Amino acid sequence: MGGIDPGASADGFFSGSETSRQALSECKVWRNPLNLFRGAEYNRYTLVTGKEPLTYYDMNLSAQDHQTFFTCDTDMLRPSDAVMQKAWRERSPQLRVKAAHQALEASNDCATAYILLAEEEATTISDAEKFFQQALKAAEGAYKKSQQQQHLSSQHEAQHKRDMNVLVYVKRRLAMCARRLRRIREAAKIMRDLMKEFPLPSIVKYP
């Protein structure tokens, strides 16, 4: 990216030439650091500035995260989850949104489909929150079911881990929606309850 050696240190950059500093400033690798919503926030930025805030590299990293946390080996056994496996790999936003709707046609309790629509189809934070509320209902049901079956096999355990990741993600995004909508106390309560229910730092910090 930007012609910069990924193995070089930050000290090496800033002690280098003006060309290196310019290349560094042009290297736009965000990896969604502020966890903004693609539809309601990043797309709005594009409309206002005429510039794309995310590079293909950013999108690829995000897609890898989605596939890691939102999919598992048993997805092919469920039509809606099988569709979502492909959806996370699509480069085109339109195709991802279309796939999410197809997943919901196969099963109206597909939490990850609601997540994708909240992230990318919703054009306002209020609309995103509505999708996440639907995702929460579906995620809670899937989590409770897989929690009871997680000891049956390694596949059931993997599915339970995925369902837990989805549930944590949805609750964190609902907290973000509340914060964006200036319901600060509600956002803080969601996060406090989440950290009590899922105290592992590696889980609560995602994404």
N, C-alpha and C. Protein backbone atom coordinates (compact mmCIF):
# COMPACT_ATOMS: atom_id res chain seq x y z
N MET A 1 0.84 -1.19 0.00
CA MET A 1 0.00 0.00 0.00
C MET A 1 0.87 1.24 0.00
N GLY A 2 0.64 2.16 -0.97
CA GLY A 2 1.38 3.40 -1.01
C GLY A 2 2.86 3.21 -1.27
N GLY A 3 3.29 2.02 -1.70
CA GLY A 3 4.69 1.78 -1.98
C GLY A 3 5.54 1.65 -0.76
N ILE A 4 4.93 1.39 0.40
CA ILE A 4 5.66 1.32 1.65
C ILE A 4 5.89 -0.11 2.04
N ASP A 5 7.08 -0.41 2.46
CA ASP A 5 7.43 -1.76 2.90
C ASP A 5 6.67 -2.08 4.17
N PRO A 6 5.77 -3.08 4.17
CA PRO A 6 4.98 -3.39 5.37
C PRO A 6 5.83 -3.83 6.53
N GLY A 7 7.07 -4.25 6.27
CA GLY A 7 7.92 -4.71 7.36
C GLY A 7 8.72 -3.60 7.99
N ALA A 8 8.66 -2.39 7.42
CA ALA A 8 9.44 -1.28 7.97
C ALA A 8 8.81 -0.76 9.24
N SER A 9 9.65 -0.19 10.12
CA SER A 9 9.14 0.34 11.38
C SER A 9 8.68 1.77 11.21
N ALA A 10 7.87 2.25 12.14
CA ALA A 10 7.39 3.62 12.10
C ALA A 10 8.56 4.58 12.23
N ASP A 11 9.55 4.25 13.08
CA ASP A 11 10.71 5.10 13.27
C ASP A 11 11.45 5.27 11.95
N GLY A 12 11.52 4.19 11.18
CA GLY A 12 12.21 4.25 9.90
C GLY A 12 11.53 5.20 8.93
N PHE A 13 10.18 5.24 8.98
CA PHE A 13 9.45 6.12 8.10
C PHE A 13 9.75 7.58 8.42
N PHE A 14 9.55 7.95 9.68
CA PHE A 14 9.62 9.35 10.04
C PHE A 14 11.04 9.90 10.01
N SER A 15 12.05 9.04 10.02
CA SER A 15 13.43 9.51 9.92
C SER A 15 13.91 9.49 8.48
N GLY A 16 13.00 9.09 7.54
CA GLY A 16 13.37 8.96 6.15
C GLY A 16 13.16 10.22 5.37
N SER A 17 13.04 10.08 4.06
CA SER A 17 12.93 11.21 3.15
C SER A 17 11.53 11.78 3.12
N GLU A 18 11.41 12.92 2.48
CA GLU A 18 10.10 13.56 2.31
C GLU A 18 9.18 12.67 1.50
N THR A 19 9.76 11.93 0.55
CA THR A 19 8.96 11.02 -0.28
C THR A 19 8.30 9.95 0.57
N SER A 20 9.04 9.43 1.53
CA SER A 20 8.49 8.40 2.41
C SER A 20 7.37 8.96 3.26
N ARG A 21 7.57 10.20 3.74
CA ARG A 21 6.53 10.81 4.58
C ARG A 21 5.27 11.08 3.76
N GLN A 22 5.46 11.50 2.52
CA GLN A 22 4.30 11.74 1.66
C GLN A 22 3.57 10.44 1.36
N ALA A 23 4.33 9.38 1.10
CA ALA A 23 3.71 8.08 0.82
C ALA A 23 2.93 7.60 2.03
N LEU A 24 3.48 7.86 3.24
CA LEU A 24 2.80 7.45 4.46
C LEU A 24 1.48 8.17 4.61
N SER A 25 1.48 9.48 4.29
CA SER A 25 0.24 10.25 4.43
C SER A 25 -0.82 9.82 3.44
N GLU A 26 -0.37 9.28 2.27
CA GLU A 26 -1.31 8.84 1.26
C GLU A 26 -1.77 7.40 1.47
N CYS A 27 -1.11 6.69 2.37
CA CYS A 27 -1.46 5.30 2.64
C CYS A 27 -2.67 5.27 3.55
N LYS A 28 -3.81 4.85 3.02
CA LYS A 28 -5.06 4.95 3.75
C LYS A 28 -5.54 3.55 4.14
N VAL A 29 -4.99 3.03 5.20
CA VAL A 29 -5.37 1.70 5.69
C VAL A 29 -6.07 1.88 7.02
N TRP A 30 -7.37 1.99 7.00
CA TRP A 30 -8.14 2.31 8.19
C TRP A 30 -8.55 1.08 8.98
N ARG A 31 -8.87 0.03 8.31
CA ARG A 31 -9.47 -1.16 8.91
C ARG A 31 -10.64 -0.78 9.83
N ASN A 32 -11.43 0.16 9.34
CA ASN A 32 -12.63 0.59 10.06
C ASN A 32 -12.30 0.88 11.52
N PRO A 33 -11.32 1.73 11.82
CA PRO A 33 -10.88 1.91 13.20
C PRO A 33 -11.93 2.52 14.11
N LEU A 34 -12.84 3.31 13.54
CA LEU A 34 -13.88 3.92 14.34
C LEU A 34 -15.16 3.09 14.34
N ASN A 35 -15.12 1.95 13.66
CA ASN A 35 -16.28 1.05 13.61
C ASN A 35 -17.53 1.75 13.10
N LEU A 36 -17.37 2.57 12.09
CA LEU A 36 -18.51 3.30 11.55
C LEU A 36 -19.40 2.38 10.72
N PHE A 37 -20.64 2.81 10.51
CA PHE A 37 -21.58 2.05 9.71
C PHE A 37 -21.37 2.40 8.24
N ARG A 38 -21.27 1.39 7.40
CA ARG A 38 -20.98 1.65 5.99
C ARG A 38 -22.09 2.43 5.31
N GLY A 39 -23.33 2.03 5.56
CA GLY A 39 -24.45 2.71 4.91
C GLY A 39 -24.74 4.08 5.48
N ALA A 40 -24.89 4.15 6.79
CA ALA A 40 -25.33 5.38 7.43
C ALA A 40 -24.23 6.41 7.61
N GLU A 41 -22.95 5.98 7.59
CA GLU A 41 -21.87 6.93 7.85
C GLU A 41 -20.83 6.99 6.74
N TYR A 42 -20.24 5.87 6.35
CA TYR A 42 -19.24 5.91 5.29
C TYR A 42 -19.84 6.36 3.96
N ASN A 43 -21.04 5.85 3.62
CA ASN A 43 -21.66 6.26 2.36
C ASN A 43 -22.04 7.73 2.38
N ARG A 44 -22.39 8.24 3.53
CA ARG A 44 -22.70 9.67 3.65
C ARG A 44 -21.45 10.50 3.39
N TYR A 45 -20.32 10.01 3.88
CA TYR A 45 -19.04 10.67 3.63
C TYR A 45 -18.75 10.71 2.13
N THR A 46 -19.03 9.60 1.46
CA THR A 46 -18.80 9.53 0.02
C THR A 46 -19.68 10.53 -0.72
N LEU A 47 -20.95 10.64 -0.32
CA LEU A 47 -21.87 11.58 -0.97
C LEU A 47 -21.42 13.02 -0.78
N VAL A 48 -20.90 13.33 0.39
CA VAL A 48 -20.50 14.71 0.69
C VAL A 48 -19.19 15.09 0.02
N THR A 49 -18.22 14.17 0.05
CA THR A 49 -16.87 14.50 -0.43
C THR A 49 -16.57 13.98 -1.83
N GLY A 50 -17.34 13.00 -2.29
CA GLY A 50 -17.06 12.39 -3.58
C GLY A 50 -15.89 11.43 -3.53
N LYS A 51 -15.42 11.08 -2.32
CA LYS A 51 -14.28 10.19 -2.16
C LYS A 51 -14.70 8.92 -1.43
N GLU A 52 -14.04 7.83 -1.76
CA GLU A 52 -14.29 6.56 -1.07
C GLU A 52 -13.42 6.50 0.20
N PRO A 53 -14.02 6.39 1.36
CA PRO A 53 -13.24 6.38 2.60
C PRO A 53 -12.52 5.07 2.86
N LEU A 54 -12.97 3.98 2.24
CA LEU A 54 -12.37 2.67 2.47
C LEU A 54 -11.71 2.15 1.19
N THR A 55 -10.53 1.60 1.33
CA THR A 55 -9.83 1.01 0.20
C THR A 55 -10.26 -0.45 0.05
N TYR A 56 -9.86 -1.07 -1.06
CA TYR A 56 -10.13 -2.50 -1.24
C TYR A 56 -9.43 -3.30 -0.15
N TYR A 57 -8.27 -2.81 0.27
CA TYR A 57 -7.54 -3.49 1.34
C TYR A 57 -8.35 -3.47 2.63
N ASP A 58 -8.94 -2.32 2.95
CA ASP A 58 -9.80 -2.22 4.13
C ASP A 58 -10.96 -3.22 4.03
N MET A 59 -11.56 -3.26 2.84
CA MET A 59 -12.73 -4.13 2.65
C MET A 59 -12.34 -5.60 2.77
N ASN A 60 -11.16 -5.95 2.27
CA ASN A 60 -10.71 -7.33 2.37
C ASN A 60 -10.47 -7.73 3.83
N LEU A 61 -9.87 -6.84 4.60
CA LEU A 61 -9.65 -7.13 6.01
C LEU A 61 -10.98 -7.30 6.74
N SER A 62 -11.93 -6.44 6.42
CA SER A 62 -13.25 -6.53 7.03
C SER A 62 -13.93 -7.84 6.65
N ALA A 63 -13.81 -8.23 5.38
CA ALA A 63 -14.42 -9.48 4.93
C ALA A 63 -13.82 -10.67 5.65
N GLN A 64 -12.52 -10.64 5.87
CA GLN A 64 -11.86 -11.72 6.61
C GLN A 64 -12.38 -11.81 8.03
N ASP A 65 -12.56 -10.66 8.67
CA ASP A 65 -13.10 -10.65 10.03
C ASP A 65 -14.52 -11.22 10.06
N HIS A 66 -15.34 -10.80 9.10
CA HIS A 66 -16.72 -11.29 9.05
C HIS A 66 -16.75 -12.81 8.87
N GLN A 67 -15.91 -13.32 8.00
CA GLN A 67 -15.89 -14.77 7.77
C GLN A 67 -15.38 -15.52 8.99
N THR A 68 -14.45 -14.91 9.71
CA THR A 68 -13.89 -15.56 10.90
C THR A 68 -14.90 -15.61 12.03
N PHE A 69 -15.58 -14.52 12.27
CA PHE A 69 -16.45 -14.42 13.44
C PHE A 69 -17.90 -14.80 13.17
N PHE A 70 -18.35 -14.70 11.92
CA PHE A 70 -19.77 -14.88 11.64
C PHE A 70 -20.09 -16.16 10.87
N THR A 71 -19.09 -17.02 10.64
CA THR A 71 -19.36 -18.26 9.91
C THR A 71 -18.74 -19.44 10.64
N CYS A 72 -19.21 -20.64 10.33
CA CYS A 72 -18.64 -21.87 10.88
C CYS A 72 -18.89 -23.01 9.90
N ASP A 73 -18.31 -24.16 10.19
CA ASP A 73 -18.35 -25.28 9.25
C ASP A 73 -19.75 -25.83 9.00
N THR A 74 -20.64 -25.64 9.96
CA THR A 74 -21.99 -26.21 9.81
C THR A 74 -22.94 -25.30 9.04
N ASP A 75 -22.47 -24.15 8.57
CA ASP A 75 -23.35 -23.22 7.87
C ASP A 75 -23.97 -23.83 6.62
N MET A 76 -23.24 -24.72 5.96
CA MET A 76 -23.76 -25.30 4.72
C MET A 76 -25.00 -26.15 4.96
N LEU A 77 -25.26 -26.51 6.21
CA LEU A 77 -26.43 -27.32 6.54
C LEU A 77 -27.70 -26.47 6.62
N ARG A 78 -27.54 -25.14 6.67
CA ARG A 78 -28.67 -24.23 6.79
C ARG A 78 -28.64 -23.28 5.60
N PRO A 79 -29.67 -23.27 4.75
CA PRO A 79 -29.67 -22.46 3.52
C PRO A 79 -29.35 -20.98 3.75
N SER A 80 -29.92 -20.39 4.79
CA SER A 80 -29.70 -18.96 5.03
C SER A 80 -28.25 -18.67 5.38
N ASP A 81 -27.65 -19.52 6.22
CA ASP A 81 -26.25 -19.31 6.60
C ASP A 81 -25.31 -19.60 5.43
N ALA A 82 -25.70 -20.54 4.58
CA ALA A 82 -24.89 -20.83 3.40
C ALA A 82 -24.84 -19.62 2.47
N VAL A 83 -25.98 -18.94 2.32
CA VAL A 83 -26.03 -17.73 1.51
C VAL A 83 -25.15 -16.65 2.12
N MET A 84 -25.19 -16.52 3.44
CA MET A 84 -24.41 -15.47 4.10
C MET A 84 -22.90 -15.75 4.02
N GLN A 85 -22.52 -17.01 3.96
CA GLN A 85 -21.10 -17.32 3.77
C GLN A 85 -20.58 -16.69 2.49
N LYS A 86 -21.39 -16.75 1.44
CA LYS A 86 -21.00 -16.15 0.17
C LYS A 86 -21.13 -14.63 0.23
N ALA A 87 -22.12 -14.14 0.97
CA ALA A 87 -22.37 -12.70 1.03
C ALA A 87 -21.17 -11.95 1.59
N TRP A 88 -20.53 -12.49 2.63
CA TRP A 88 -19.40 -11.80 3.24
C TRP A 88 -18.22 -11.70 2.30
N ARG A 89 -18.17 -12.56 1.28
CA ARG A 89 -17.04 -12.54 0.35
C ARG A 89 -17.29 -11.67 -0.88
N GLU A 90 -18.52 -11.18 -1.04
CA GLU A 90 -18.85 -10.36 -2.20
C GLU A 90 -18.18 -8.99 -2.10
N ARG A 91 -17.60 -8.53 -3.19
CA ARG A 91 -16.99 -7.20 -3.21
C ARG A 91 -18.04 -6.10 -3.38
N SER A 92 -19.07 -6.39 -4.15
CA SER A 92 -20.09 -5.38 -4.45
C SER A 92 -21.07 -5.22 -3.29
N PRO A 93 -21.26 -3.99 -2.78
CA PRO A 93 -22.24 -3.76 -1.72
C PRO A 93 -23.65 -4.18 -2.14
N GLN A 94 -23.99 -3.92 -3.41
CA GLN A 94 -25.33 -4.28 -3.89
C GLN A 94 -25.55 -5.79 -3.83
N LEU A 95 -24.51 -6.56 -4.19
CA LEU A 95 -24.63 -8.01 -4.16
C LEU A 95 -24.69 -8.53 -2.73
N ARG A 96 -23.97 -7.87 -1.82
CA ARG A 96 -24.03 -8.29 -0.41
C ARG A 96 -25.42 -8.06 0.16
N VAL A 97 -25.98 -6.90 -0.13
CA VAL A 97 -27.33 -6.59 0.37
C VAL A 97 -28.36 -7.54 -0.24
N LYS A 98 -28.22 -7.81 -1.54
CA LYS A 98 -29.14 -8.74 -2.21
C LYS A 98 -29.06 -10.12 -1.58
N ALA A 99 -27.85 -10.56 -1.26
CA ALA A 99 -27.67 -11.88 -0.65
C ALA A 99 -28.30 -11.92 0.74
N ALA A 100 -28.19 -10.83 1.49
CA ALA A 100 -28.80 -10.79 2.83
C ALA A 100 -30.31 -10.94 2.74
N HIS A 101 -30.92 -10.29 1.77
CA HIS A 101 -32.37 -10.44 1.59
C HIS A 101 -32.72 -11.87 1.18
N GLN A 102 -31.89 -12.48 0.36
CA GLN A 102 -32.12 -13.87 -0.02
C GLN A 102 -32.03 -14.79 1.19
N ALA A 103 -31.09 -14.50 2.08
CA ALA A 103 -30.94 -15.31 3.30
C ALA A 103 -32.19 -15.20 4.17
N LEU A 104 -32.76 -14.00 4.25
CA LEU A 104 -33.96 -13.81 5.06
C LEU A 104 -35.18 -14.46 4.43
N GLU A 105 -35.17 -14.57 3.11
CA GLU A 105 -36.25 -15.29 2.44
C GLU A 105 -36.19 -16.78 2.78
N ALA A 106 -34.97 -17.28 2.95
CA ALA A 106 -34.79 -18.69 3.32
C ALA A 106 -35.12 -18.91 4.79
N SER A 107 -34.81 -17.93 5.62
CA SER A 107 -35.09 -18.03 7.05
C SER A 107 -35.15 -16.62 7.62
N ASN A 108 -36.30 -16.25 8.20
CA ASN A 108 -36.45 -14.89 8.70
C ASN A 108 -35.80 -14.66 10.07
N ASP A 109 -35.09 -15.67 10.58
CA ASP A 109 -34.39 -15.49 11.85
C ASP A 109 -32.86 -15.61 11.66
N CYS A 110 -32.38 -15.16 10.50
CA CYS A 110 -30.94 -15.18 10.22
C CYS A 110 -30.33 -13.89 10.75
N ALA A 111 -29.68 -13.98 11.89
CA ALA A 111 -29.15 -12.79 12.56
C ALA A 111 -28.10 -12.08 11.73
N THR A 112 -27.23 -12.85 11.07
CA THR A 112 -26.15 -12.22 10.30
C THR A 112 -26.67 -11.46 9.09
N ALA A 113 -27.79 -11.88 8.54
CA ALA A 113 -28.40 -11.15 7.43
C ALA A 113 -28.87 -9.77 7.91
N TYR A 114 -29.49 -9.74 9.07
CA TYR A 114 -29.92 -8.45 9.64
C TYR A 114 -28.71 -7.57 9.94
N ILE A 115 -27.62 -8.19 10.37
CA ILE A 115 -26.40 -7.42 10.64
C ILE A 115 -25.91 -6.73 9.36
N LEU A 116 -25.85 -7.49 8.27
CA LEU A 116 -25.36 -6.92 7.02
C LEU A 116 -26.25 -5.77 6.56
N LEU A 117 -27.56 -5.95 6.68
CA LEU A 117 -28.48 -4.89 6.27
C LEU A 117 -28.35 -3.66 7.16
N ALA A 118 -28.13 -3.89 8.44
CA ALA A 118 -27.93 -2.76 9.36
C ALA A 118 -26.67 -2.00 9.01
N GLU A 119 -25.64 -2.74 8.66
CA GLU A 119 -24.35 -2.10 8.36
C GLU A 119 -24.35 -1.39 7.01
N GLU A 120 -25.02 -1.97 6.01
CA GLU A 120 -24.82 -1.49 4.65
C GLU A 120 -26.07 -0.96 3.95
N GLU A 121 -27.25 -1.48 4.26
CA GLU A 121 -28.44 -0.98 3.58
C GLU A 121 -29.05 0.21 4.31
N ALA A 122 -29.02 0.20 5.63
CA ALA A 122 -29.60 1.29 6.41
C ALA A 122 -28.88 2.60 6.11
N THR A 123 -29.63 3.65 5.83
CA THR A 123 -29.03 4.95 5.50
C THR A 123 -29.03 5.91 6.68
N THR A 124 -29.66 5.53 7.77
CA THR A 124 -29.64 6.34 8.99
C THR A 124 -29.34 5.44 10.18
N ILE A 125 -28.89 6.04 11.27
CA ILE A 125 -28.61 5.26 12.48
C ILE A 125 -29.89 4.65 13.03
N SER A 126 -31.00 5.37 12.92
CA SER A 126 -32.28 4.84 13.42
C SER A 126 -32.68 3.59 12.66
N ASP A 127 -32.48 3.59 11.34
CA ASP A 127 -32.80 2.41 10.54
C ASP A 127 -31.86 1.26 10.89
N ALA A 128 -30.59 1.58 11.10
CA ALA A 128 -29.62 0.55 11.48
C ALA A 128 -30.02 -0.08 12.81
N GLU A 129 -30.47 0.74 13.74
CA GLU A 129 -30.88 0.24 15.05
C GLU A 129 -32.05 -0.74 14.92
N LYS A 130 -32.98 -0.45 14.03
CA LYS A 130 -34.12 -1.34 13.85
C LYS A 130 -33.67 -2.71 13.33
N PHE A 131 -32.75 -2.70 12.38
CA PHE A 131 -32.22 -3.98 11.89
C PHE A 131 -31.49 -4.73 12.99
N PHE A 132 -30.73 -4.01 13.81
CA PHE A 132 -29.99 -4.67 14.88
C PHE A 132 -30.93 -5.22 15.96
N GLN A 133 -32.04 -4.57 16.17
CA GLN A 133 -33.01 -5.10 17.13
C GLN A 133 -33.60 -6.41 16.64
N GLN A 134 -33.82 -6.51 15.33
CA GLN A 134 -34.26 -7.78 14.75
C GLN A 134 -33.16 -8.83 14.84
N ALA A 135 -31.93 -8.38 14.61
CA ALA A 135 -30.79 -9.29 14.72
C ALA A 135 -30.63 -9.80 16.14
N LEU A 136 -30.88 -8.94 17.12
CA LEU A 136 -30.74 -9.34 18.52
C LEU A 136 -31.72 -10.46 18.87
N LYS A 137 -32.95 -10.32 18.43
CA LYS A 137 -33.94 -11.35 18.72
C LYS A 137 -33.53 -12.70 18.12
N ALA A 138 -33.04 -12.66 16.88
CA ALA A 138 -32.61 -13.89 16.22
C ALA A 138 -31.35 -14.45 16.86
N ALA A 139 -30.42 -13.57 17.22
CA ALA A 139 -29.15 -14.01 17.80
C ALA A 139 -29.34 -14.63 19.18
N GLU A 140 -30.21 -14.07 19.98
CA GLU A 140 -30.47 -14.62 21.31
C GLU A 140 -31.07 -16.01 21.21
N GLY A 141 -31.99 -16.21 20.26
CA GLY A 141 -32.58 -17.53 20.09
C GLY A 141 -31.55 -18.56 19.64
N ALA A 142 -30.70 -18.18 18.69
CA ALA A 142 -29.67 -19.10 18.20
C ALA A 142 -28.65 -19.42 19.29
N TYR A 143 -28.29 -18.43 20.07
CA TYR A 143 -27.29 -18.62 21.13
C TYR A 143 -27.80 -19.58 22.21
N LYS A 144 -29.03 -19.41 22.63
CA LYS A 144 -29.60 -20.28 23.65
C LYS A 144 -29.68 -21.73 23.16
N LYS A 145 -30.06 -21.88 21.89
CA LYS A 145 -30.18 -23.22 21.33
C LYS A 145 -28.82 -23.90 21.24
N SER A 146 -27.82 -23.19 20.73
CA SER A 146 -26.50 -23.79 20.57
C SER A 146 -25.80 -23.98 21.91
N GLN A 147 -26.17 -23.18 22.89
CA GLN A 147 -25.58 -23.32 24.23
C GLN A 147 -25.94 -24.67 24.84
N GLN A 148 -27.15 -25.12 24.57
CA GLN A 148 -27.60 -26.40 25.09
C GLN A 148 -26.97 -27.58 24.36
N GLN A 149 -26.50 -27.35 23.13
CA GLN A 149 -25.98 -28.44 22.31
C GLN A 149 -24.47 -28.41 22.14
N GLN A 150 -23.79 -27.45 22.73
CA GLN A 150 -22.36 -27.25 22.44
C GLN A 150 -21.49 -28.43 22.84
N HIS A 151 -21.94 -29.25 23.79
CA HIS A 151 -21.12 -30.37 24.27
C HIS A 151 -21.29 -31.63 23.42
N LEU A 152 -22.17 -31.59 22.42
CA LEU A 152 -22.44 -32.79 21.63
C LEU A 152 -21.30 -33.16 20.69
N SER A 153 -20.62 -32.15 20.14
CA SER A 153 -19.52 -32.42 19.20
C SER A 153 -18.71 -31.15 19.01
N SER A 154 -17.59 -31.30 18.33
CA SER A 154 -16.75 -30.13 18.05
C SER A 154 -17.45 -29.17 17.10
N GLN A 155 -18.28 -29.70 16.21
CA GLN A 155 -19.02 -28.84 15.31
C GLN A 155 -20.06 -28.01 16.05
N HIS A 156 -20.72 -28.65 17.02
CA HIS A 156 -21.69 -27.91 17.83
C HIS A 156 -20.99 -26.83 18.66
N GLU A 157 -19.80 -27.14 19.14
CA GLU A 157 -19.04 -26.17 19.92
C GLU A 157 -18.64 -24.97 19.04
N ALA A 158 -18.23 -25.25 17.80
CA ALA A 158 -17.86 -24.18 16.88
C ALA A 158 -19.07 -23.31 16.54
N GLN A 159 -20.20 -23.95 16.40
CA GLN A 159 -21.42 -23.19 16.10
C GLN A 159 -21.81 -22.30 17.28
N HIS A 160 -21.64 -22.83 18.48
CA HIS A 160 -21.96 -22.04 19.67
C HIS A 160 -21.04 -20.82 19.78
N LYS A 161 -19.77 -21.01 19.48
CA LYS A 161 -18.81 -19.90 19.51
C LYS A 161 -19.21 -18.84 18.50
N ARG A 162 -19.60 -19.28 17.30
CA ARG A 162 -20.05 -18.33 16.29
C ARG A 162 -21.28 -17.57 16.76
N ASP A 163 -22.25 -18.29 17.33
CA ASP A 163 -23.47 -17.65 17.81
C ASP A 163 -23.18 -16.64 18.92
N MET A 164 -22.19 -16.96 19.75
CA MET A 164 -21.80 -16.03 20.81
C MET A 164 -21.18 -14.77 20.20
N ASN A 165 -20.31 -14.95 19.20
CA ASN A 165 -19.70 -13.79 18.52
C ASN A 165 -20.76 -12.88 17.91
N VAL A 166 -21.76 -13.49 17.29
CA VAL A 166 -22.83 -12.72 16.66
C VAL A 166 -23.61 -11.94 17.71
N LEU A 167 -23.95 -12.59 18.81
CA LEU A 167 -24.72 -11.94 19.86
C LEU A 167 -23.96 -10.77 20.47
N VAL A 168 -22.67 -10.97 20.74
CA VAL A 168 -21.85 -9.90 21.31
C VAL A 168 -21.76 -8.74 20.34
N TYR A 169 -21.54 -9.04 19.08
CA TYR A 169 -21.42 -8.00 18.06
C TYR A 169 -22.70 -7.16 18.00
N VAL A 170 -23.84 -7.83 17.97
CA VAL A 170 -25.11 -7.13 17.85
C VAL A 170 -25.34 -6.20 19.05
N LYS A 171 -25.04 -6.69 20.24
CA LYS A 171 -25.24 -5.85 21.43
C LYS A 171 -24.31 -4.65 21.42
N ARG A 172 -23.08 -4.85 20.97
CA ARG A 172 -22.14 -3.73 20.90
C ARG A 172 -22.61 -2.69 19.89
N ARG A 173 -23.14 -3.14 18.77
CA ARG A 173 -23.60 -2.21 17.75
C ARG A 173 -24.87 -1.49 18.21
N LEU A 174 -25.71 -2.17 18.98
CA LEU A 174 -26.88 -1.48 19.53
C LEU A 174 -26.45 -0.40 20.52
N ALA A 175 -25.39 -0.67 21.28
CA ALA A 175 -24.85 0.35 22.18
C ALA A 175 -24.33 1.53 21.38
N MET A 176 -23.69 1.25 20.26
CA MET A 176 -23.18 2.33 19.42
C MET A 176 -24.33 3.14 18.83
N CYS A 177 -25.39 2.48 18.41
CA CYS A 177 -26.55 3.20 17.89
C CYS A 177 -27.13 4.13 18.95
N ALA A 178 -27.27 3.61 20.15
CA ALA A 178 -27.82 4.43 21.24
C ALA A 178 -26.93 5.65 21.50
N ARG A 179 -25.62 5.42 21.45
CA ARG A 179 -24.68 6.53 21.67
C ARG A 179 -24.78 7.56 20.54
N ARG A 180 -24.88 7.08 19.30
CA ARG A 180 -25.01 8.00 18.18
C ARG A 180 -26.30 8.83 18.29
N LEU A 181 -27.34 8.21 18.84
CA LEU A 181 -28.63 8.88 18.97
C LEU A 181 -28.74 9.63 20.30
N ARG A 182 -27.60 9.79 20.98
CA ARG A 182 -27.47 10.58 22.21
C ARG A 182 -28.23 9.99 23.39
N ARG A 183 -28.43 8.68 23.36
CA ARG A 183 -29.00 7.99 24.53
C ARG A 183 -27.82 7.37 25.29
N ILE A 184 -27.05 8.23 25.91
CA ILE A 184 -25.77 7.83 26.48
C ILE A 184 -25.94 6.82 27.62
N ARG A 185 -26.90 7.06 28.48
CA ARG A 185 -27.09 6.15 29.62
C ARG A 185 -27.47 4.75 29.14
N GLU A 186 -28.31 4.70 28.14
CA GLU A 186 -28.71 3.40 27.59
C GLU A 186 -27.52 2.68 26.99
N ALA A 187 -26.68 3.42 26.27
CA ALA A 187 -25.49 2.83 25.66
C ALA A 187 -24.55 2.29 26.73
N ALA A 188 -24.37 3.06 27.80
CA ALA A 188 -23.48 2.62 28.88
C ALA A 188 -24.02 1.37 29.56
N LYS A 189 -25.33 1.32 29.75
CA LYS A 189 -25.95 0.14 30.41
C LYS A 189 -25.78 -1.10 29.54
N ILE A 190 -25.96 -0.96 28.23
CA ILE A 190 -25.80 -2.11 27.35
C ILE A 190 -24.39 -2.66 27.47
N MET A 191 -23.40 -1.78 27.48
CA MET A 191 -22.01 -2.23 27.56
C MET A 191 -21.69 -2.83 28.92
N ARG A 192 -22.21 -2.25 29.99
CA ARG A 192 -21.98 -2.83 31.33
C ARG A 192 -22.57 -4.23 31.42
N ASP A 193 -23.80 -4.38 30.96
CA ASP A 193 -24.45 -5.69 30.99
C ASP A 193 -23.70 -6.69 30.11
N LEU A 194 -23.20 -6.22 28.98
CA LEU A 194 -22.47 -7.09 28.06
C LEU A 194 -21.18 -7.60 28.69
N MET A 195 -20.47 -6.72 29.36
CA MET A 195 -19.21 -7.12 29.98
C MET A 195 -19.43 -8.05 31.17
N LYS A 196 -20.57 -7.94 31.82
CA LYS A 196 -20.89 -8.88 32.89
C LYS A 196 -21.24 -10.26 32.33
N GLU A 197 -21.96 -10.26 31.23
CA GLU A 197 -22.39 -11.53 30.63
C GLU A 197 -21.25 -12.23 29.89
N PHE A 198 -20.41 -11.43 29.22
CA PHE A 198 -19.28 -11.98 28.47
C PHE A 198 -18.01 -11.24 28.89
N PRO A 199 -17.40 -11.66 29.98
CA PRO A 199 -16.27 -10.92 30.54
C PRO A 199 -14.94 -11.08 29.81
N LEU A 200 -14.84 -12.01 28.87
CA LEU A 200 -13.57 -12.24 28.19
C LEU A 200 -13.22 -11.04 27.32
N PRO A 201 -12.08 -10.42 27.54
CA PRO A 201 -11.69 -9.22 26.77
C PRO A 201 -11.64 -9.46 25.28
N SER A 202 -11.17 -10.65 24.87
CA SER A 202 -11.02 -10.92 23.46
C SER A 202 -12.36 -10.97 22.75
N ILE A 203 -13.43 -11.25 23.50
CA ILE A 203 -14.75 -11.30 22.90
C ILE A 203 -15.37 -9.92 22.89
N VAL A 204 -15.33 -9.24 24.03
CA VAL A 204 -16.01 -7.97 24.16
C VAL A 204 -15.39 -6.91 23.28
N LYS A 205 -14.09 -7.01 22.98
CA LYS A 205 -13.43 -5.99 22.18
C LYS A 205 -13.75 -6.11 20.70
N TYR A 206 -14.25 -7.28 20.27
CA TYR A 206 -14.54 -7.42 18.84
C TYR A 206 -15.76 -6.59 18.49
N PRO A 207 -15.78 -5.92 17.33
CA PRO A 207 -14.75 -5.92 16.32
C PRO A 207 -13.81 -4.77 16.58
